[in-house]
Amino acid sequence: MEPVSSALSSGLQGMQRGFDGMRQSADQIAKADKPDQAGDVAKPLVNLVADRAQIEASVKVVQAADAMSKTIGSLLDVKA
């Protein structure tokens, strides 16, 4: 079960990093409320898209780890 827990841990860490990045980008966008700072929001907006992609990929890792765990559990039930 070690590879499954390792994959699950990696997926959860990736999701956490993605959410942390989104919070940081949202904060930067919220602070750039002046019209002359419009260029300053471009990078945080791009970062939001990248963070979203990281979260989506990490969710797939967690789903795969869950599926592996269920498969291993089923195999162990059949073996017993």
N, C-alpha and C. Protein backbone atom coordinates (compact mmCIF):
# COMPACT_ATOMS: atom_id res chain seq x y z
N MET A 1 0.82 -1.20 0.00
CA MET A 1 0.00 0.00 0.00
C MET A 1 0.86 1.27 0.00
N GLU A 2 2.16 1.12 0.14
CA GLU A 2 3.06 2.27 0.18
C GLU A 2 2.95 3.15 -1.07
N PRO A 3 2.96 2.57 -2.29
CA PRO A 3 2.84 3.43 -3.48
C PRO A 3 1.52 4.19 -3.51
N VAL A 4 0.46 3.56 -3.01
CA VAL A 4 -0.84 4.22 -2.99
C VAL A 4 -0.83 5.40 -2.03
N SER A 5 -0.30 5.21 -0.84
CA SER A 5 -0.28 6.31 0.13
C SER A 5 0.67 7.42 -0.33
N SER A 6 1.75 7.03 -1.00
CA SER A 6 2.68 8.03 -1.53
C SER A 6 2.01 8.85 -2.63
N ALA A 7 1.27 8.19 -3.51
CA ALA A 7 0.56 8.89 -4.59
C ALA A 7 -0.52 9.80 -4.01
N LEU A 8 -1.23 9.30 -3.02
CA LEU A 8 -2.27 10.09 -2.38
C LEU A 8 -1.67 11.33 -1.72
N SER A 9 -0.57 11.14 -1.02
CA SER A 9 0.10 12.26 -0.36
C SER A 9 0.58 13.29 -1.38
N SER A 10 1.15 12.83 -2.48
CA SER A 10 1.62 13.74 -3.52
C SER A 10 0.47 14.52 -4.12
N GLY A 11 -0.64 13.83 -4.37
CA GLY A 11 -1.81 14.50 -4.93
C GLY A 11 -2.37 15.56 -4.00
N LEU A 12 -2.45 15.23 -2.72
CA LEU A 12 -2.97 16.20 -1.75
C LEU A 12 -2.04 17.39 -1.60
N GLN A 13 -0.73 17.14 -1.62
CA GLN A 13 0.23 18.25 -1.54
C GLN A 13 0.11 19.15 -2.77
N GLY A 14 -0.06 18.54 -3.93
CA GLY A 14 -0.23 19.33 -5.16
C GLY A 14 -1.47 20.19 -5.11
N MET A 15 -2.56 19.63 -4.58
CA MET A 15 -3.78 20.41 -4.44
C MET A 15 -3.56 21.59 -3.48
N GLN A 16 -2.90 21.32 -2.37
CA GLN A 16 -2.64 22.38 -1.39
C GLN A 16 -1.79 23.50 -2.00
N ARG A 17 -0.75 23.13 -2.75
CA ARG A 17 0.10 24.14 -3.40
C ARG A 17 -0.71 24.95 -4.41
N GLY A 18 -1.57 24.27 -5.14
CA GLY A 18 -2.41 24.98 -6.12
C GLY A 18 -3.35 25.97 -5.45
N PHE A 19 -4.00 25.53 -4.37
CA PHE A 19 -4.90 26.44 -3.65
C PHE A 19 -4.14 27.60 -3.00
N ASP A 20 -2.96 27.32 -2.47
CA ASP A 20 -2.14 28.40 -1.91
C ASP A 20 -1.77 29.42 -2.98
N GLY A 21 -1.38 28.93 -4.15
CA GLY A 21 -1.05 29.82 -5.26
C GLY A 21 -2.24 30.65 -5.70
N MET A 22 -3.41 30.03 -5.74
CA MET A 22 -4.63 30.76 -6.12
C MET A 22 -4.94 31.86 -5.11
N ARG A 23 -4.79 31.54 -3.83
CA ARG A 23 -5.05 32.56 -2.81
C ARG A 23 -4.09 33.75 -2.96
N GLN A 24 -2.83 33.44 -3.22
CA GLN A 24 -1.83 34.49 -3.37
C GLN A 24 -2.14 35.34 -4.61
N SER A 25 -2.49 34.71 -5.70
CA SER A 25 -2.81 35.44 -6.93
C SER A 25 -4.06 36.29 -6.74
N ALA A 26 -5.07 35.73 -6.09
CA ALA A 26 -6.30 36.49 -5.84
C ALA A 26 -6.02 37.71 -4.97
N ASP A 27 -5.14 37.54 -4.00
CA ASP A 27 -4.77 38.66 -3.13
C ASP A 27 -4.07 39.76 -3.94
N GLN A 28 -3.17 39.36 -4.84
CA GLN A 28 -2.46 40.34 -5.69
C GLN A 28 -3.44 41.06 -6.61
N ILE A 29 -4.40 40.36 -7.14
CA ILE A 29 -5.40 40.98 -8.02
C ILE A 29 -6.26 41.95 -7.23
N ALA A 30 -6.66 41.55 -6.02
CA ALA A 30 -7.50 42.42 -5.19
C ALA A 30 -6.77 43.69 -4.78
N LYS A 31 -5.47 43.61 -4.59
CA LYS A 31 -4.69 44.78 -4.18
C LYS A 31 -4.41 45.73 -5.35
N ALA A 32 -4.55 45.25 -6.57
CA ALA A 32 -4.28 46.08 -7.75
C ALA A 32 -5.58 46.73 -8.20
N ASP A 33 -6.14 47.58 -7.36
CA ASP A 33 -7.44 48.18 -7.65
C ASP A 33 -7.36 49.52 -8.37
N LYS A 34 -6.16 49.97 -8.68
CA LYS A 34 -6.00 51.25 -9.36
C LYS A 34 -5.86 51.01 -10.86
N PRO A 35 -6.49 51.87 -11.69
CA PRO A 35 -6.41 51.68 -13.15
C PRO A 35 -4.99 51.68 -13.70
N ASP A 36 -4.09 52.43 -13.10
CA ASP A 36 -2.71 52.47 -13.60
C ASP A 36 -1.92 51.22 -13.26
N GLN A 37 -2.50 50.32 -12.46
CA GLN A 37 -1.83 49.08 -12.09
C GLN A 37 -2.41 47.89 -12.84
N ALA A 38 -3.12 48.12 -13.92
CA ALA A 38 -3.77 47.04 -14.65
C ALA A 38 -2.76 46.02 -15.17
N GLY A 39 -1.59 46.46 -15.55
CA GLY A 39 -0.56 45.54 -16.02
C GLY A 39 -0.07 44.61 -14.93
N ASP A 40 -0.24 45.03 -13.69
CA ASP A 40 0.20 44.22 -12.57
C ASP A 40 -0.69 43.00 -12.32
N VAL A 41 -1.87 42.96 -12.94
CA VAL A 41 -2.75 41.81 -12.72
C VAL A 41 -2.55 40.72 -13.76
N ALA A 42 -1.80 40.99 -14.80
CA ALA A 42 -1.62 39.99 -15.85
C ALA A 42 -0.93 38.73 -15.32
N LYS A 43 0.14 38.91 -14.59
CA LYS A 43 0.88 37.75 -14.07
C LYS A 43 0.03 36.94 -13.09
N PRO A 44 -0.65 37.58 -12.13
CA PRO A 44 -1.50 36.79 -11.23
C PRO A 44 -2.62 36.06 -11.97
N LEU A 45 -3.15 36.66 -13.04
CA LEU A 45 -4.19 35.98 -13.81
C LEU A 45 -3.65 34.74 -14.50
N VAL A 46 -2.45 34.85 -15.05
CA VAL A 46 -1.81 33.69 -15.67
C VAL A 46 -1.52 32.63 -14.60
N ASN A 47 -1.08 33.08 -13.44
CA ASN A 47 -0.80 32.15 -12.35
C ASN A 47 -2.06 31.41 -11.90
N LEU A 48 -3.21 32.11 -11.93
CA LEU A 48 -4.47 31.45 -11.56
C LEU A 48 -4.76 30.27 -12.49
N VAL A 49 -4.53 30.48 -13.78
CA VAL A 49 -4.76 29.40 -14.75
C VAL A 49 -3.79 28.24 -14.49
N ALA A 50 -2.53 28.56 -14.22
CA ALA A 50 -1.55 27.51 -13.94
C ALA A 50 -1.89 26.77 -12.65
N ASP A 51 -2.33 27.50 -11.63
CA ASP A 51 -2.70 26.88 -10.37
C ASP A 51 -3.92 25.98 -10.54
N ARG A 52 -4.86 26.42 -11.36
CA ARG A 52 -6.04 25.59 -11.65
C ARG A 52 -5.62 24.28 -12.32
N ALA A 53 -4.70 24.36 -13.27
CA ALA A 53 -4.22 23.16 -13.94
C ALA A 53 -3.52 22.22 -12.95
N GLN A 54 -2.77 22.79 -12.02
CA GLN A 54 -2.09 21.97 -11.01
C GLN A 54 -3.12 21.27 -10.14
N ILE A 55 -4.15 21.99 -9.74
CA ILE A 55 -5.18 21.38 -8.89
C ILE A 55 -5.88 20.26 -9.65
N GLU A 56 -6.24 20.50 -10.91
CA GLU A 56 -6.92 19.48 -11.70
C GLU A 56 -6.05 18.22 -11.86
N ALA A 57 -4.76 18.42 -12.12
CA ALA A 57 -3.86 17.27 -12.26
C ALA A 57 -3.72 16.53 -10.93
N SER A 58 -3.65 17.27 -9.85
CA SER A 58 -3.51 16.65 -8.53
C SER A 58 -4.76 15.87 -8.14
N VAL A 59 -5.92 16.38 -8.53
CA VAL A 59 -7.17 15.66 -8.28
C VAL A 59 -7.15 14.32 -9.02
N LYS A 60 -6.63 14.32 -10.23
CA LYS A 60 -6.54 13.06 -10.99
C LYS A 60 -5.60 12.08 -10.31
N VAL A 61 -4.53 12.59 -9.72
CA VAL A 61 -3.60 11.71 -8.99
C VAL A 61 -4.31 11.09 -7.79
N VAL A 62 -5.08 11.91 -7.06
CA VAL A 62 -5.82 11.40 -5.89
C VAL A 62 -6.85 10.37 -6.34
N GLN A 63 -7.55 10.64 -7.43
CA GLN A 63 -8.54 9.69 -7.94
C GLN A 63 -7.87 8.38 -8.35
N ALA A 64 -6.72 8.46 -8.99
CA ALA A 64 -6.00 7.25 -9.39
C ALA A 64 -5.54 6.47 -8.16
N ALA A 65 -5.06 7.16 -7.15
CA ALA A 65 -4.63 6.49 -5.91
C ALA A 65 -5.81 5.81 -5.24
N ASP A 66 -6.96 6.46 -5.25
CA ASP A 66 -8.17 5.87 -4.68
C ASP A 66 -8.57 4.62 -5.45
N ALA A 67 -8.51 4.69 -6.78
CA ALA A 67 -8.85 3.53 -7.60
C ALA A 67 -7.87 2.38 -7.36
N MET A 68 -6.59 2.70 -7.24
CA MET A 68 -5.59 1.67 -6.96
C MET A 68 -5.85 1.02 -5.60
N SER A 69 -6.21 1.85 -4.62
CA SER A 69 -6.48 1.34 -3.28
C SER A 69 -7.67 0.38 -3.30
N LYS A 70 -8.71 0.75 -4.03
CA LYS A 70 -9.89 -0.12 -4.12
C LYS A 70 -9.56 -1.42 -4.85
N THR A 71 -8.75 -1.32 -5.90
CA THR A 71 -8.36 -2.51 -6.65
C THR A 71 -7.54 -3.45 -5.78
N ILE A 72 -6.59 -2.89 -5.07
CA ILE A 72 -5.74 -3.71 -4.18
C ILE A 72 -6.61 -4.33 -3.09
N GLY A 73 -7.54 -3.55 -2.55
CA GLY A 73 -8.44 -4.08 -1.54
C GLY A 73 -9.28 -5.23 -2.07
N SER A 74 -9.78 -5.10 -3.30
CA SER A 74 -10.57 -6.16 -3.92
C SER A 74 -9.73 -7.41 -4.14
N LEU A 75 -8.50 -7.22 -4.59
CA LEU A 75 -7.61 -8.35 -4.82
C LEU A 75 -7.31 -9.08 -3.51
N LEU A 76 -7.13 -8.30 -2.45
CA LEU A 76 -6.85 -8.93 -1.15
C LEU A 76 -8.08 -9.69 -0.65
N ASP A 77 -9.28 -9.16 -0.89
CA ASP A 77 -10.50 -9.85 -0.48
C ASP A 77 -10.65 -11.16 -1.24
N VAL A 78 -10.36 -11.16 -2.53
CA VAL A 78 -10.46 -12.37 -3.34
C VAL A 78 -9.43 -13.39 -2.89
N LYS A 79 -8.23 -12.92 -2.58
CA LYS A 79 -7.13 -13.79 -2.15
C LYS A 79 -7.46 -14.46 -0.81
N ALA A 80 -8.14 -13.75 0.07
CA ALA A 80 -8.46 -14.28 1.40
C ALA A 80 -9.60 -15.23 1.26
